[in-house]
Amino acid sequence: MAGNSKKFKTQTGGLQEKKVKVEPTKEEIKQEIKEEKAKRKEKVKKEKADKPRFGQRFKDLFSELKRVKWPTAGQAFKQTGVVLGVVLVFAVVLFGINFGLTELFKLLTKEL
């Protein structure tokens, strides 16, 4: 019960003062529970208000796609050719390394 301000009271007895824990009443506990529930409800409402609806997300998606600068057919073919060329070069390099290491391994394991 975080909101309870009457957790302790000071008691004087003899020469010393000491703090004695005071238990909250049932009404105070019920009031605190109600306040906590109300705070949670407000938090959930805020979170729901911040999230866009499903339909709104599609509207935003399509409006964003309209603003995209799409490549022309010539640009798309050119870029695809560049990608395929790079992949081919790397395939040849990896094949060469693999072939060379395989031949080296055969030489090392060959019986004399």
Protein backbone atom coordinates (compact mmCIF):
# COMPACT_ATOMS: atom_id res chain seq x y z
CA MET A 1 0.00 0.00 0.00
CA ALA A 2 2.26 2.70 -1.33
CA GLY A 3 -0.02 5.67 -0.65
CA ASN A 4 -0.41 5.09 3.09
CA SER A 5 1.08 8.10 4.89
CA LYS A 6 0.20 6.81 8.40
CA LYS A 7 2.53 3.84 8.47
CA PHE A 8 4.22 4.87 11.72
CA LYS A 9 3.25 6.90 14.73
CA THR A 10 5.54 8.15 17.47
CA GLN A 11 4.99 6.82 20.96
CA THR A 12 6.52 8.33 24.04
CA GLY A 13 7.07 6.09 26.97
CA GLY A 14 9.50 6.92 29.71
CA LEU A 15 12.59 8.68 28.41
CA GLN A 16 12.58 7.24 24.87
CA GLU A 17 10.53 7.90 21.80
CA LYS A 18 9.93 5.02 19.45
CA LYS A 19 8.09 4.56 16.19
CA VAL A 20 5.33 1.98 16.22
CA LYS A 21 3.92 0.58 13.02
CA VAL A 22 0.25 1.44 12.49
CA GLU A 23 -1.86 -1.02 10.50
CA PRO A 24 -4.15 0.59 7.92
CA THR A 25 -7.88 0.17 8.31
CA LYS A 26 -9.97 -1.88 5.90
CA GLU A 27 -11.46 1.28 4.43
CA GLU A 28 -7.99 2.70 3.74
CA ILE A 29 -6.92 -0.56 2.08
CA LYS A 30 -10.05 -0.61 -0.09
CA GLN A 31 -9.49 3.02 -1.08
CA GLU A 32 -5.88 2.32 -2.07
CA ILE A 33 -6.94 -0.69 -4.15
CA LYS A 34 -9.55 1.43 -5.95
CA GLU A 35 -6.94 4.11 -6.68
CA GLU A 36 -4.47 1.53 -8.05
CA LYS A 37 -7.17 0.00 -10.30
CA ALA A 38 -8.09 3.46 -11.60
CA LYS A 39 -4.43 4.20 -12.38
CA ARG A 40 -4.07 0.89 -14.26
CA LYS A 41 -7.24 1.60 -16.27
CA GLU A 42 -5.93 5.04 -17.23
CA LYS A 43 -2.61 3.54 -18.29
CA VAL A 44 -4.33 0.92 -20.48
CA LYS A 45 -6.53 3.60 -22.07
CA LYS A 46 -3.46 5.71 -22.88
CA GLU A 47 -1.67 2.73 -24.43
CA LYS A 48 -4.71 1.86 -26.57
CA ALA A 49 -5.06 5.48 -27.70
CA ASP A 50 -1.38 5.59 -28.75
CA LYS A 51 -1.65 2.48 -30.96
CA PRO A 52 -3.00 3.07 -34.46
CA ARG A 53 -5.89 0.89 -35.59
CA PHE A 54 -5.43 -1.93 -38.12
CA GLY A 55 -7.05 -0.02 -40.97
CA GLN A 56 -5.02 3.09 -40.22
CA ARG A 57 -1.81 1.05 -40.54
CA PHE A 58 -2.80 -0.03 -44.06
CA LYS A 59 -3.60 3.56 -45.03
CA ASP A 60 -0.19 4.65 -43.76
CA LEU A 61 1.49 1.76 -45.59
CA PHE A 62 -0.07 2.59 -48.95
CA SER A 63 0.56 6.32 -48.58
CA GLU A 64 4.23 5.54 -47.85
CA LEU A 65 4.46 3.22 -50.88
CA LYS A 66 3.09 6.01 -53.10
CA ARG A 67 6.02 8.21 -52.09
CA VAL A 68 8.63 5.55 -52.95
CA LYS A 69 10.72 6.30 -56.05
CA TRP A 70 10.47 3.05 -58.01
CA PRO A 71 13.28 2.18 -60.44
CA THR A 72 12.59 2.02 -64.15
CA ALA A 73 12.75 -1.34 -65.95
CA GLY A 74 16.20 -0.48 -67.33
CA GLN A 75 17.55 0.39 -63.88
CA ALA A 76 16.09 -2.81 -62.39
CA PHE A 77 17.72 -5.00 -65.10
CA LYS A 78 21.04 -3.19 -64.70
CA GLN A 79 21.06 -3.61 -60.92
CA THR A 80 20.04 -7.26 -61.22
CA GLY A 81 22.92 -7.83 -63.65
CA VAL A 82 25.37 -6.25 -61.19
CA VAL A 83 24.16 -8.51 -58.39
CA LEU A 84 24.38 -11.65 -60.54
CA GLY A 85 27.88 -10.64 -61.72
CA VAL A 86 29.14 -10.18 -58.16
CA VAL A 87 27.64 -13.53 -57.11
CA LEU A 88 29.30 -15.23 -60.12
CA VAL A 89 32.71 -13.72 -59.29
CA PHE A 90 32.48 -14.87 -55.67
CA ALA A 91 31.36 -18.35 -56.76
CA VAL A 92 34.43 -18.67 -59.03
CA VAL A 93 36.77 -17.43 -56.27
CA LEU A 94 35.30 -19.85 -53.70
CA PHE A 95 35.43 -22.72 -56.19
CA GLY A 96 39.12 -21.96 -56.85
CA ILE A 97 39.96 -21.86 -53.13
CA ASN A 98 38.05 -25.09 -52.51
CA PHE A 99 39.74 -26.86 -55.47
CA GLY A 100 43.20 -25.68 -54.40
CA LEU A 101 42.76 -26.79 -50.79
CA THR A 102 41.37 -30.16 -51.90
CA GLU A 103 44.42 -30.80 -54.14
CA LEU A 104 46.77 -29.72 -51.33
CA PHE A 105 45.04 -32.10 -48.92
CA LYS A 106 45.38 -34.95 -51.45
CA LEU A 107 49.13 -34.24 -51.74
CA LEU A 108 49.57 -34.23 -47.98
CA THR A 109 47.67 -37.49 -47.43
CA LYS A 110 49.17 -39.34 -50.44
CA GLU A 111 51.21 -42.38 -49.44
CA LEU A 112 54.77 -42.48 -50.70
